[in-house]
Amino acid sequence: MFANIAGRYDLLNHLLSGNVDKRWRRVVAERIAAEVSVSDALVLDVACGTGDLAATLFDALDAKVFATDFCRPMLDIAATKIGQNVTLVESDALHLPFSDSSFDVVTIGFGLRNLASLERGLAEFARVLKRGGWLAILEFSRPVNRALRVLFGTYFTRVLPVMGGIVSGSRSAYTYLPDSVKRFPDQRELVELIEQAGFVEVCFENLTGGIAALHLGKRP
């Protein structure tokens, strides 16, 4: 599915979000920059897609950035955008090809809900993080305002699949998107899952009224 829409993925992300997705990624980089004090930190962006978050992290941090995805066409596009700045690795998020305690930061943007198991994914992120390392999860969430929730729900379930289908040629991919968001835990439920995975100092920040949320957690 992701391979089929790779060529129009960036266009649709920016078009369907009104470019607000770029601001969300900058917020991730800013919050990570505020928490990571070590120079030459090692950062891993999981489910990187076409590399937008990885590129933002590289621009904002004094860090060596690795990015991984299991969709080769997405990585091919990422390679054309970020060149040698980010090390790209084709791999499964549930079986990362890195040693224990390898990274200072692990991020995942709009990819956690696509994993076959959230719990296994969070456990794998904890495994590759160093003690004191930070996990950052950017994901669609539940708008806090009822009117916004209704408006967003209507757009997400009725307008987005039609527009996405026309532009990408794959309506099923953009029907999958709202379905996957609907099944995904809300802000506080995700906090509980992150804590159950062993993370501490877990918190979240609503973005654009809770349409998306940034969750942070620290590996003790």
N, C-alpha and C. Protein backbone atom coordinates (compact mmCIF):
# COMPACT_ATOMS: atom_id res chain seq x y z
N MET A 1 0.82 -1.20 0.00
CA MET A 1 0.00 0.00 0.00
C MET A 1 0.86 1.27 0.00
N PHE A 2 1.86 1.32 0.90
CA PHE A 2 2.72 2.49 0.98
C PHE A 2 3.59 2.63 -0.27
N ALA A 3 4.01 1.50 -0.83
CA ALA A 3 4.79 1.54 -2.06
C ALA A 3 3.97 2.17 -3.19
N ASN A 4 2.69 1.85 -3.24
CA ASN A 4 1.83 2.35 -4.32
C ASN A 4 1.64 3.86 -4.27
N ILE A 5 1.68 4.44 -3.07
CA ILE A 5 1.41 5.87 -2.95
C ILE A 5 2.68 6.69 -2.71
N ALA A 6 3.85 6.04 -2.73
CA ALA A 6 5.10 6.72 -2.38
C ALA A 6 5.33 7.97 -3.24
N GLY A 7 5.05 7.88 -4.52
CA GLY A 7 5.34 8.99 -5.42
C GLY A 7 4.54 10.25 -5.14
N ARG A 8 3.36 10.12 -4.55
CA ARG A 8 2.51 11.27 -4.24
C ARG A 8 2.39 11.51 -2.74
N TYR A 9 3.17 10.77 -1.95
CA TYR A 9 3.03 10.80 -0.49
C TYR A 9 3.30 12.19 0.08
N ASP A 10 4.41 12.81 -0.30
CA ASP A 10 4.76 14.13 0.22
C ASP A 10 3.73 15.18 -0.21
N LEU A 11 3.36 15.17 -1.47
CA LEU A 11 2.38 16.13 -1.97
C LEU A 11 1.09 16.06 -1.18
N LEU A 12 0.61 14.84 -0.95
CA LEU A 12 -0.66 14.68 -0.26
C LEU A 12 -0.54 15.04 1.22
N ASN A 13 0.58 14.70 1.85
CA ASN A 13 0.77 15.08 3.25
C ASN A 13 0.63 16.59 3.43
N HIS A 14 1.31 17.35 2.57
CA HIS A 14 1.30 18.80 2.70
C HIS A 14 -0.04 19.38 2.26
N LEU A 15 -0.61 18.83 1.19
CA LEU A 15 -1.88 19.34 0.68
C LEU A 15 -3.01 19.08 1.66
N LEU A 16 -3.13 17.85 2.12
CA LEU A 16 -4.27 17.47 2.96
C LEU A 16 -4.18 18.04 4.37
N SER A 17 -2.97 18.42 4.80
CA SER A 17 -2.82 19.01 6.14
C SER A 17 -2.70 20.53 6.08
N GLY A 18 -2.75 21.10 4.88
CA GLY A 18 -2.54 22.53 4.77
C GLY A 18 -1.14 22.95 5.20
N ASN A 19 -0.19 22.06 5.02
CA ASN A 19 1.23 22.27 5.38
C ASN A 19 1.49 22.30 6.88
N VAL A 20 0.46 22.07 7.69
CA VAL A 20 0.67 22.10 9.14
C VAL A 20 1.55 20.93 9.60
N ASP A 21 1.64 19.88 8.79
CA ASP A 21 2.49 18.74 9.15
C ASP A 21 3.94 19.15 9.28
N LYS A 22 4.37 20.17 8.51
CA LYS A 22 5.74 20.66 8.62
C LYS A 22 5.99 21.29 9.98
N ARG A 23 5.02 22.04 10.48
CA ARG A 23 5.16 22.67 11.80
C ARG A 23 5.20 21.62 12.89
N TRP A 24 4.38 20.57 12.75
CA TRP A 24 4.40 19.50 13.75
C TRP A 24 5.78 18.87 13.85
N ARG A 25 6.42 18.65 12.72
CA ARG A 25 7.75 18.04 12.74
C ARG A 25 8.79 18.98 13.37
N ARG A 26 8.63 20.27 13.13
CA ARG A 26 9.55 21.23 13.77
C ARG A 26 9.39 21.23 15.28
N VAL A 27 8.16 21.05 15.75
CA VAL A 27 7.92 20.97 17.19
C VAL A 27 8.65 19.77 17.78
N VAL A 28 8.61 18.63 17.10
CA VAL A 28 9.33 17.45 17.57
C VAL A 28 10.82 17.77 17.72
N ALA A 29 11.41 18.36 16.70
CA ALA A 29 12.84 18.68 16.74
C ALA A 29 13.16 19.66 17.86
N GLU A 30 12.30 20.65 18.07
CA GLU A 30 12.52 21.63 19.13
C GLU A 30 12.47 20.99 20.51
N ARG A 31 11.51 20.11 20.73
CA ARG A 31 11.38 19.48 22.05
C ARG A 31 12.56 18.53 22.30
N ILE A 32 12.98 17.82 21.28
CA ILE A 32 14.13 16.93 21.43
C ILE A 32 15.40 17.74 21.71
N ALA A 33 15.57 18.83 20.99
CA ALA A 33 16.74 19.68 21.19
C ALA A 33 16.80 20.20 22.62
N ALA A 34 15.64 20.45 23.22
CA ALA A 34 15.61 20.95 24.59
C ALA A 34 15.97 19.88 25.62
N GLU A 35 15.80 18.61 25.26
CA GLU A 35 16.04 17.52 26.21
C GLU A 35 17.41 16.88 26.05
N VAL A 36 17.97 16.90 24.86
CA VAL A 36 19.22 16.19 24.61
C VAL A 36 20.39 17.16 24.77
N SER A 37 21.22 16.90 25.76
CA SER A 37 22.32 17.81 26.06
C SER A 37 23.66 17.33 25.50
N VAL A 38 23.75 16.04 25.13
CA VAL A 38 25.03 15.52 24.66
C VAL A 38 25.30 16.00 23.24
N SER A 39 26.55 16.32 22.96
CA SER A 39 26.92 16.66 21.59
C SER A 39 27.14 15.38 20.80
N ASP A 40 26.98 15.45 19.51
CA ASP A 40 27.13 14.28 18.64
C ASP A 40 26.20 13.14 19.07
N ALA A 41 24.98 13.49 19.45
CA ALA A 41 24.01 12.47 19.83
C ALA A 41 23.67 11.58 18.63
N LEU A 42 23.25 10.37 18.93
CA LEU A 42 22.79 9.44 17.89
C LEU A 42 21.27 9.38 17.94
N VAL A 43 20.64 9.67 16.80
CA VAL A 43 19.18 9.74 16.71
C VAL A 43 18.70 8.71 15.69
N LEU A 44 17.65 7.98 16.04
CA LEU A 44 17.04 7.02 15.13
C LEU A 44 15.60 7.42 14.87
N ASP A 45 15.26 7.64 13.60
CA ASP A 45 13.88 7.91 13.20
C ASP A 45 13.31 6.64 12.58
N VAL A 46 12.31 6.07 13.23
CA VAL A 46 11.71 4.81 12.81
C VAL A 46 10.49 5.09 11.93
N ALA A 47 10.26 4.20 10.95
CA ALA A 47 9.15 4.37 10.01
C ALA A 47 9.24 5.74 9.37
N CYS A 48 10.41 6.04 8.83
CA CYS A 48 10.74 7.39 8.37
C CYS A 48 10.03 7.80 7.10
N GLY A 49 9.46 6.85 6.35
CA GLY A 49 8.79 7.20 5.11
C GLY A 49 9.74 7.86 4.13
N THR A 50 9.35 9.03 3.65
CA THR A 50 10.17 9.74 2.68
C THR A 50 11.19 10.68 3.33
N GLY A 51 11.33 10.59 4.65
CA GLY A 51 12.45 11.25 5.33
C GLY A 51 12.22 12.66 5.82
N ASP A 52 10.98 13.15 5.84
CA ASP A 52 10.74 14.53 6.25
C ASP A 52 11.15 14.78 7.71
N LEU A 53 10.76 13.90 8.63
CA LEU A 53 11.11 14.10 10.04
C LEU A 53 12.61 13.94 10.24
N ALA A 54 13.21 12.95 9.59
CA ALA A 54 14.66 12.74 9.71
C ALA A 54 15.42 13.97 9.23
N ALA A 55 14.97 14.57 8.13
CA ALA A 55 15.63 15.77 7.62
C ALA A 55 15.47 16.93 8.59
N THR A 56 14.30 17.07 9.19
CA THR A 56 14.07 18.14 10.16
C THR A 56 14.96 17.96 11.38
N LEU A 57 15.10 16.73 11.84
CA LEU A 57 15.96 16.44 12.99
C LEU A 57 17.42 16.76 12.66
N PHE A 58 17.85 16.40 11.47
CA PHE A 58 19.23 16.68 11.06
C PHE A 58 19.51 18.18 11.05
N ASP A 59 18.54 18.95 10.55
CA ASP A 59 18.73 20.40 10.46
C ASP A 59 18.74 21.06 11.83
N ALA A 60 18.01 20.48 12.80
CA ALA A 60 17.82 21.14 14.09
C ALA A 60 18.80 20.69 15.17
N LEU A 61 19.36 19.49 15.03
CA LEU A 61 20.15 18.92 16.11
C LEU A 61 21.61 18.76 15.72
N ASP A 62 22.48 18.84 16.72
CA ASP A 62 23.89 18.49 16.53
C ASP A 62 23.99 16.99 16.77
N ALA A 63 23.58 16.22 15.76
CA ALA A 63 23.42 14.78 15.96
C ALA A 63 23.67 14.03 14.67
N LYS A 64 23.99 12.77 14.82
CA LYS A 64 24.07 11.83 13.71
C LYS A 64 22.72 11.14 13.61
N VAL A 65 22.07 11.26 12.47
CA VAL A 65 20.71 10.76 12.32
C VAL A 65 20.68 9.53 11.44
N PHE A 66 20.04 8.48 11.94
CA PHE A 66 19.73 7.28 11.18
C PHE A 66 18.22 7.25 10.96
N ALA A 67 17.79 6.70 9.84
CA ALA A 67 16.36 6.60 9.56
C ALA A 67 16.07 5.24 8.95
N THR A 68 14.99 4.62 9.38
CA THR A 68 14.68 3.27 8.93
C THR A 68 13.22 3.15 8.52
N ASP A 69 12.99 2.35 7.49
CA ASP A 69 11.64 2.05 7.03
C ASP A 69 11.70 0.71 6.30
N PHE A 70 10.57 0.01 6.21
CA PHE A 70 10.60 -1.26 5.48
C PHE A 70 10.03 -1.16 4.08
N CYS A 71 9.70 0.08 3.66
CA CYS A 71 9.14 0.29 2.32
C CYS A 71 10.23 0.88 1.43
N ARG A 72 10.79 0.08 0.54
CA ARG A 72 11.91 0.53 -0.29
C ARG A 72 11.57 1.76 -1.15
N PRO A 73 10.40 1.83 -1.81
CA PRO A 73 10.12 3.04 -2.60
C PRO A 73 10.12 4.32 -1.77
N MET A 74 9.66 4.24 -0.51
CA MET A 74 9.71 5.41 0.37
C MET A 74 11.17 5.80 0.63
N LEU A 75 12.01 4.81 0.92
CA LEU A 75 13.42 5.09 1.19
C LEU A 75 14.13 5.64 -0.05
N ASP A 76 13.75 5.16 -1.23
CA ASP A 76 14.35 5.68 -2.45
C ASP A 76 14.08 7.17 -2.60
N ILE A 77 12.86 7.59 -2.26
CA ILE A 77 12.52 9.02 -2.32
C ILE A 77 13.28 9.78 -1.23
N ALA A 78 13.35 9.20 -0.04
CA ALA A 78 14.09 9.84 1.05
C ALA A 78 15.55 10.09 0.64
N ALA A 79 16.14 9.14 -0.04
CA ALA A 79 17.54 9.25 -0.45
C ALA A 79 17.76 10.44 -1.39
N THR A 80 16.79 10.73 -2.23
CA THR A 80 16.93 11.86 -3.15
C THR A 80 16.78 13.19 -2.43
N LYS A 81 16.11 13.18 -1.26
CA LYS A 81 15.84 14.42 -0.54
C LYS A 81 16.93 14.77 0.47
N ILE A 82 17.48 13.76 1.13
CA ILE A 82 18.39 14.04 2.24
C ILE A 82 19.82 13.61 1.97
N GLY A 83 20.05 12.98 0.81
CA GLY A 83 21.42 12.66 0.39
C GLY A 83 22.21 11.91 1.43
N GLN A 84 23.42 12.41 1.72
CA GLN A 84 24.31 11.74 2.67
C GLN A 84 24.14 12.24 4.10
N ASN A 85 23.20 13.16 4.31
CA ASN A 85 23.04 13.74 5.65
C ASN A 85 22.51 12.75 6.67
N VAL A 86 21.70 11.82 6.21
CA VAL A 86 21.05 10.84 7.09
C VAL A 86 21.37 9.43 6.57
N THR A 87 21.71 8.53 7.48
CA THR A 87 21.97 7.14 7.11
C THR A 87 20.65 6.39 7.04
N LEU A 88 20.30 5.90 5.85
CA LEU A 88 19.04 5.20 5.63
C LEU A 88 19.24 3.70 5.73
N VAL A 89 18.32 3.02 6.44
CA VAL A 89 18.41 1.58 6.65
C VAL A 89 17.04 0.97 6.39
N GLU A 90 17.00 -0.03 5.52
CA GLU A 90 15.74 -0.73 5.27
C GLU A 90 15.56 -1.82 6.33
N SER A 91 14.51 -1.68 7.14
CA SER A 91 14.29 -2.68 8.20
C SER A 91 12.89 -2.56 8.77
N ASP A 92 12.52 -3.58 9.52
CA ASP A 92 11.23 -3.67 10.18
C ASP A 92 11.32 -3.00 11.55
N ALA A 93 10.36 -2.14 11.87
CA ALA A 93 10.37 -1.44 13.17
C ALA A 93 10.29 -2.39 14.36
N LEU A 94 9.75 -3.57 14.15
CA LEU A 94 9.64 -4.53 15.26
C LEU A 94 10.89 -5.39 15.41
N HIS A 95 11.83 -5.27 14.47
CA HIS A 95 13.09 -6.03 14.53
C HIS A 95 14.21 -5.14 14.03
N LEU A 96 14.51 -4.12 14.81
CA LEU A 96 15.51 -3.14 14.38
C LEU A 96 16.91 -3.75 14.38
N PRO A 97 17.70 -3.51 13.34
CA PRO A 97 19.01 -4.14 13.20
C PRO A 97 20.12 -3.36 13.93
N PHE A 98 19.85 -3.00 15.18
CA PHE A 98 20.81 -2.24 15.96
C PHE A 98 21.00 -2.90 17.32
N SER A 99 22.18 -2.70 17.89
CA SER A 99 22.49 -3.28 19.20
C SER A 99 21.69 -2.60 20.30
N ASP A 100 21.60 -3.26 21.43
CA ASP A 100 20.97 -2.67 22.61
C ASP A 100 21.67 -1.37 22.97
N SER A 101 20.91 -0.41 23.47
CA SER A 101 21.45 0.85 24.00
C SER A 101 22.33 1.58 22.99
N SER A 102 21.84 1.71 21.78
CA SER A 102 22.63 2.34 20.71
C SER A 102 22.38 3.83 20.56
N PHE A 103 21.16 4.31 20.88
CA PHE A 103 20.76 5.66 20.50
C PHE A 103 20.40 6.52 21.70
N ASP A 104 20.62 7.82 21.53
CA ASP A 104 20.23 8.81 22.53
C ASP A 104 18.76 9.20 22.37
N VAL A 105 18.26 9.10 21.15
CA VAL A 105 16.88 9.50 20.84
C VAL A 105 16.31 8.52 19.83
N VAL A 106 15.06 8.14 20.02
CA VAL A 106 14.30 7.41 19.00
C VAL A 106 13.03 8.20 18.73
N THR A 107 12.75 8.45 17.46
CA THR A 107 11.52 9.14 17.08
C THR A 107 10.72 8.28 16.12
N ILE A 108 9.43 8.52 16.08
CA ILE A 108 8.57 7.90 15.07
C ILE A 108 7.43 8.86 14.80
N GLY A 109 7.26 9.24 13.54
CA GLY A 109 6.24 10.20 13.16
C GLY A 109 5.19 9.57 12.27
N PHE A 110 3.98 9.48 12.78
CA PHE A 110 2.84 8.94 12.03
C PHE A 110 3.09 7.51 11.55
N GLY A 111 3.81 6.74 12.37
CA GLY A 111 4.09 5.36 12.01
C GLY A 111 3.70 4.35 13.06
N LEU A 112 3.55 4.79 14.30
CA LEU A 112 3.30 3.84 15.38
C LEU A 112 1.99 3.08 15.16
N ARG A 113 0.96 3.77 14.67
CA ARG A 113 -0.34 3.11 14.49
C ARG A 113 -0.31 2.07 13.38
N ASN A 114 0.75 2.07 12.56
CA ASN A 114 0.85 1.10 11.47
C ASN A 114 1.54 -0.20 11.90
N LEU A 115 2.09 -0.22 13.10
CA LEU A 115 2.80 -1.42 13.54
C LEU A 115 1.82 -2.54 13.88
N ALA A 116 2.25 -3.77 13.65
CA ALA A 116 1.40 -4.92 13.96
C ALA A 116 1.14 -5.03 15.45
N SER A 117 2.06 -4.52 16.28
CA SER A 117 1.90 -4.54 17.73
C SER A 117 2.53 -3.29 18.31
N LEU A 118 1.70 -2.45 18.93
CA LEU A 118 2.23 -1.25 19.58
C LEU A 118 3.17 -1.62 20.71
N GLU A 119 2.79 -2.64 21.48
CA GLU A 119 3.60 -3.03 22.63
C GLU A 119 4.98 -3.53 22.20
N ARG A 120 5.02 -4.34 21.17
CA ARG A 120 6.32 -4.84 20.69
C ARG A 120 7.16 -3.71 20.12
N GLY A 121 6.51 -2.78 19.45
CA GLY A 121 7.23 -1.64 18.91
C GLY A 121 7.85 -0.80 20.02
N LEU A 122 7.08 -0.50 21.05
CA LEU A 122 7.58 0.31 22.16
C LEU A 122 8.72 -0.42 22.88
N ALA A 123 8.59 -1.74 23.03
CA ALA A 123 9.66 -2.51 23.66
C ALA A 123 10.94 -2.48 22.83
N GLU A 124 10.79 -2.52 21.52
CA GLU A 124 11.96 -2.47 20.64
C GLU A 124 12.63 -1.09 20.70
N PHE A 125 11.83 -0.04 20.78
CA PHE A 125 12.40 1.30 20.91
C PHE A 125 13.18 1.42 22.22
N ALA A 126 12.61 0.88 23.29
CA ALA A 126 13.30 0.92 24.59
C ALA A 126 14.61 0.14 24.52
N ARG A 127 14.61 -0.97 23.79
CA ARG A 127 15.81 -1.80 23.70
C ARG A 127 16.98 -1.04 23.07
N VAL A 128 16.72 -0.30 22.00
CA VAL A 128 17.82 0.35 21.29
C VAL A 128 18.19 1.71 21.89
N LEU A 129 17.40 2.19 22.85
CA LEU A 129 17.72 3.45 23.51
C LEU A 129 18.74 3.25 24.62
N LYS A 130 19.61 4.23 24.77
CA LYS A 130 20.52 4.25 25.92
C LYS A 130 19.74 4.63 27.17
N ARG A 131 20.29 4.31 28.33
CA ARG A 131 19.68 4.77 29.58
C ARG A 131 19.69 6.30 29.60
N GLY A 132 18.57 6.87 29.94
CA GLY A 132 18.44 8.32 29.90
C GLY A 132 18.06 8.86 28.53
N GLY A 133 17.92 7.96 27.55
CA GLY A 133 17.53 8.38 26.21
C GLY A 133 16.05 8.69 26.11
N TRP A 134 15.70 9.44 25.08
CA TRP A 134 14.32 9.90 24.93
C TRP A 134 13.63 9.27 23.72
N LEU A 135 12.34 8.96 23.92
CA LEU A 135 11.47 8.51 22.84
C LEU A 135 10.49 9.64 22.53
N ALA A 136 10.32 9.94 21.24
CA ALA A 136 9.35 10.95 20.81
C ALA A 136 8.42 10.34 19.77
N ILE A 137 7.13 10.40 20.04
CA ILE A 137 6.11 9.83 19.15
C ILE A 137 5.19 10.95 18.68
N LEU A 138 5.19 11.20 17.38
CA LEU A 138 4.26 12.15 16.77
C LEU A 138 3.20 11.33 16.04
N GLU A 139 1.94 11.56 16.43
CA GLU A 139 0.88 10.73 15.84
C GLU A 139 -0.44 11.48 15.86
N PHE A 140 -1.32 11.13 14.93
CA PHE A 140 -2.68 11.64 14.98
C PHE A 140 -3.32 11.22 16.29
N SER A 141 -4.21 12.09 16.81
CA SER A 141 -4.81 11.79 18.10
C SER A 141 -6.26 12.25 18.13
N ARG A 142 -6.77 12.55 19.32
CA ARG A 142 -8.18 12.88 19.48
C ARG A 142 -8.33 14.38 19.79
N PRO A 143 -8.95 15.15 18.91
CA PRO A 143 -9.15 16.58 19.19
C PRO A 143 -9.88 16.79 20.51
N VAL A 144 -9.44 17.79 21.25
CA VAL A 144 -9.98 18.00 22.60
C VAL A 144 -11.31 18.74 22.57
N ASN A 145 -11.54 19.54 21.55
CA ASN A 145 -12.78 20.29 21.43
C ASN A 145 -13.81 19.49 20.64
N ARG A 146 -15.03 19.40 21.16
CA ARG A 146 -16.04 18.57 20.50
C ARG A 146 -16.35 19.04 19.09
N ALA A 147 -16.47 20.35 18.90
CA ALA A 147 -16.78 20.87 17.56
C ALA A 147 -15.65 20.55 16.59
N LEU A 148 -14.40 20.73 17.05
CA LEU A 148 -13.26 20.39 16.20
C LEU A 148 -13.21 18.90 15.91
N ARG A 149 -13.60 18.09 16.91
CA ARG A 149 -13.59 16.64 16.74
C ARG A 149 -14.59 16.23 15.66
N VAL A 150 -15.76 16.85 15.65
CA VAL A 150 -16.77 16.54 14.64
C VAL A 150 -16.31 17.01 13.26
N LEU A 151 -15.77 18.23 13.20
CA LEU A 151 -15.31 18.77 11.93
C LEU A 151 -14.17 17.94 11.36
N PHE A 152 -13.20 17.62 12.22
CA PHE A 152 -12.05 16.83 11.79
C PHE A 152 -12.49 15.43 11.36
N GLY A 153 -13.42 14.84 12.11
CA GLY A 153 -13.91 13.51 11.77
C GLY A 153 -14.58 13.48 10.42
N THR A 154 -15.36 14.51 10.13
CA THR A 154 -16.04 14.59 8.83
C THR A 154 -15.02 14.73 7.70
N TYR A 155 -14.07 15.61 7.89
CA TYR A 155 -13.03 15.80 6.87
C TYR A 155 -12.23 14.53 6.66
N PHE A 156 -11.86 13.89 7.78
CA PHE A 156 -10.98 12.72 7.72
C PHE A 156 -11.65 11.52 7.07
N THR A 157 -12.94 11.34 7.32
CA THR A 157 -13.62 10.13 6.83
C THR A 157 -14.33 10.32 5.50
N ARG A 158 -14.65 11.57 5.14
CA ARG A 158 -15.41 11.79 3.91
C ARG A 158 -14.64 12.53 2.83
N VAL A 159 -13.92 13.57 3.22
CA VAL A 159 -13.23 14.38 2.23
C VAL A 159 -11.86 13.80 1.88
N LEU A 160 -11.09 13.47 2.90
CA LEU A 160 -9.71 13.01 2.68
C LEU A 160 -9.63 11.76 1.80
N PRO A 161 -10.46 10.72 2.01
CA PRO A 161 -10.34 9.55 1.13
C PRO A 161 -10.60 9.87 -0.33
N VAL A 162 -11.53 10.79 -0.60
CA VAL A 162 -11.83 11.15 -1.99
C VAL A 162 -10.66 11.91 -2.61
N MET A 163 -10.17 12.95 -1.90
CA MET A 163 -9.06 13.73 -2.42
C MET A 163 -7.80 12.89 -2.56
N GLY A 164 -7.52 12.10 -1.52
CA GLY A 164 -6.33 11.25 -1.55
C GLY A 164 -6.40 10.23 -2.66
N GLY A 165 -7.58 9.67 -2.87
CA GLY A 165 -7.75 8.68 -3.92
C GLY A 165 -7.56 9.27 -5.30
N ILE A 166 -8.07 10.49 -5.51
CA ILE A 166 -7.94 11.14 -6.82
C ILE A 166 -6.47 11.43 -7.14
N VAL A 167 -5.77 12.00 -6.17
CA VAL A 167 -4.39 12.42 -6.40
C VAL A 167 -3.42 11.24 -6.46
N SER A 168 -3.61 10.26 -5.55
CA SER A 168 -2.66 9.15 -5.46
C SER A 168 -3.03 7.98 -6.35
N GLY A 169 -4.31 7.88 -6.70
CA GLY A 169 -4.77 6.72 -7.46
C GLY A 169 -5.09 5.53 -6.59
N SER A 170 -5.03 5.70 -5.26
CA SER A 170 -5.31 4.60 -4.34
C SER A 170 -6.23 5.09 -3.23
N ARG A 171 -7.53 5.00 -3.48
CA ARG A 171 -8.47 5.45 -2.45
C ARG A 171 -8.37 4.57 -1.21
N SER A 172 -8.06 3.29 -1.39
CA SER A 172 -8.00 2.38 -0.24
C SER A 172 -6.95 2.83 0.77
N ALA A 173 -5.84 3.40 0.30
CA ALA A 173 -4.80 3.86 1.22
C ALA A 173 -5.32 4.99 2.09
N TYR A 174 -6.14 5.86 1.51
CA TYR A 174 -6.63 7.02 2.26
C TYR A 174 -7.97 6.73 2.95
N THR A 175 -8.49 5.53 2.76
CA THR A 175 -9.55 5.01 3.61
C THR A 175 -8.92 4.34 4.83
N TYR A 176 -7.81 3.67 4.59
CA TYR A 176 -7.06 3.04 5.68
C TYR A 176 -6.62 4.06 6.72
N LEU A 177 -6.21 5.25 6.27
CA LEU A 177 -5.67 6.27 7.18
C LEU A 177 -6.66 6.62 8.28
N PRO A 178 -7.90 7.08 7.98
CA PRO A 178 -8.82 7.40 9.08
C PRO A 178 -9.21 6.17 9.90
N ASP A 179 -9.28 5.00 9.25
CA ASP A 179 -9.61 3.78 10.00
C ASP A 179 -8.53 3.47 11.03
N SER A 180 -7.27 3.64 10.63
CA SER A 180 -6.17 3.34 11.55
C SER A 180 -6.11 4.35 12.69
N VAL A 181 -6.42 5.60 12.41
CA VAL A 181 -6.44 6.63 13.45
C VAL A 181 -7.58 6.37 14.44
N LYS A 182 -8.72 5.95 13.92
CA LYS A 182 -9.88 5.66 14.77
C LYS A 182 -9.56 4.54 15.77
N ARG A 183 -8.77 3.56 15.35
CA ARG A 183 -8.44 2.43 16.22
C ARG A 183 -7.29 2.73 17.18
N PHE A 184 -6.59 3.84 16.95
CA PHE A 184 -5.39 4.14 17.72
C PHE A 184 -5.76 4.71 19.10
N PRO A 185 -4.97 4.40 20.14
CA PRO A 185 -5.26 4.94 21.47
C PRO A 185 -5.25 6.47 21.49
N ASP A 186 -6.08 7.05 22.36
CA ASP A 186 -6.05 8.51 22.50
C ASP A 186 -4.84 8.91 23.34
N GLN A 187 -4.73 10.20 23.64
CA GLN A 187 -3.54 10.73 24.28
C GLN A 187 -3.22 10.02 25.59
N ARG A 188 -4.17 9.90 26.47
CA ARG A 188 -3.90 9.33 27.79
C ARG A 188 -3.72 7.81 27.73
N GLU A 189 -4.43 7.18 26.84
CA GLU A 189 -4.24 5.74 26.66
C GLU A 189 -2.84 5.43 26.16
N LEU A 190 -2.33 6.28 25.28
CA LEU A 190 -0.96 6.07 24.78
C LEU A 190 0.06 6.33 25.88
N VAL A 191 -0.18 7.30 26.74
CA VAL A 191 0.70 7.52 27.90
C VAL A 191 0.82 6.24 28.71
N GLU A 192 -0.31 5.57 28.96
CA GLU A 192 -0.29 4.34 29.75
C GLU A 192 0.52 3.25 29.06
N LEU A 193 0.37 3.12 27.75
CA LEU A 193 1.13 2.11 27.01
C LEU A 193 2.63 2.39 27.07
N ILE A 194 3.00 3.64 26.95
CA ILE A 194 4.42 4.01 27.00
C ILE A 194 4.99 3.72 28.40
N GLU A 195 4.22 4.02 29.42
CA GLU A 195 4.66 3.74 30.78
C GLU A 195 4.77 2.24 31.02
N GLN A 196 3.83 1.48 30.49
CA GLN A 196 3.88 0.02 30.64
C GLN A 196 5.10 -0.57 29.95
N ALA A 197 5.63 0.13 28.93
CA ALA A 197 6.83 -0.32 28.24
C ALA A 197 8.10 0.02 29.03
N GLY A 198 7.93 0.68 30.18
CA GLY A 198 9.06 0.95 31.05
C GLY A 198 9.59 2.37 31.00
N PHE A 199 8.95 3.25 30.25
CA PHE A 199 9.42 4.62 30.16
C PHE A 199 8.94 5.44 31.35
N VAL A 200 9.69 6.47 31.70
CA VAL A 200 9.34 7.37 32.79
C VAL A 200 9.24 8.80 32.25
N GLU A 201 8.75 9.70 33.11
CA GLU A 201 8.58 11.11 32.73
C GLU A 201 7.77 11.23 31.44
N VAL A 202 6.77 10.38 31.29
CA VAL A 202 5.97 10.37 30.06
C VAL A 202 4.99 11.53 30.08
N CYS A 203 4.93 12.25 29.00
CA CYS A 203 4.02 13.39 28.89
C CYS A 203 3.59 13.53 27.43
N PHE A 204 2.58 14.37 27.20
CA PHE A 204 2.17 14.61 25.83
C PHE A 204 1.80 16.08 25.66
N GLU A 205 1.88 16.52 24.43
CA GLU A 205 1.53 17.89 24.05
C GLU A 205 0.60 17.83 22.86
N ASN A 206 -0.59 18.40 23.01
CA ASN A 206 -1.53 18.44 21.90
C ASN A 206 -1.07 19.45 20.86
N LEU A 207 -1.21 19.10 19.60
CA LEU A 207 -0.86 19.97 18.49
C LEU A 207 -2.11 20.22 17.65
N THR A 208 -2.35 21.49 17.33
CA THR A 208 -3.53 21.89 16.55
C THR A 208 -4.79 21.32 17.19
N GLY A 209 -4.94 21.60 18.47
CA GLY A 209 -6.15 21.20 19.19
C GLY A 209 -6.30 19.72 19.44
N GLY A 210 -5.21 18.97 19.31
CA GLY A 210 -5.28 17.53 19.54
C GLY A 210 -5.49 16.71 18.29
N ILE A 211 -5.51 17.37 17.13
CA ILE A 211 -5.56 16.60 15.87
C ILE A 211 -4.35 15.67 15.82
N ALA A 212 -3.23 16.18 16.28
CA ALA A 212 -2.04 15.36 16.48
C ALA A 212 -1.54 15.59 17.89
N ALA A 213 -0.67 14.71 18.36
CA ALA A 213 -0.09 14.86 19.68
C ALA A 213 1.35 14.36 19.65
N LEU A 214 2.19 15.03 20.43
CA LEU A 214 3.57 14.61 20.62
C LEU A 214 3.71 14.00 22.00
N HIS A 215 4.10 12.74 22.06
CA HIS A 215 4.36 12.06 23.33
C HIS A 215 5.87 11.90 23.53
N LEU A 216 6.32 12.16 24.74
CA LEU A 216 7.71 11.99 25.10
C LEU A 216 7.83 11.04 26.27
N GLY A 217 8.86 10.23 26.27
CA GLY A 217 9.14 9.33 27.38
C GLY A 217 10.63 9.09 27.49
N LYS A 218 11.10 8.86 28.70
CA LYS A 218 12.52 8.68 28.97
C LYS A 218 12.82 7.25 29.41
N ARG A 219 13.86 6.66 28.85
CA ARG A 219 14.26 5.33 29.30
C ARG A 219 15.07 5.46 30.58
N PRO A 220 14.63 4.85 31.68
CA PRO A 220 15.35 5.00 32.96
C PRO A 220 16.68 4.25 32.95
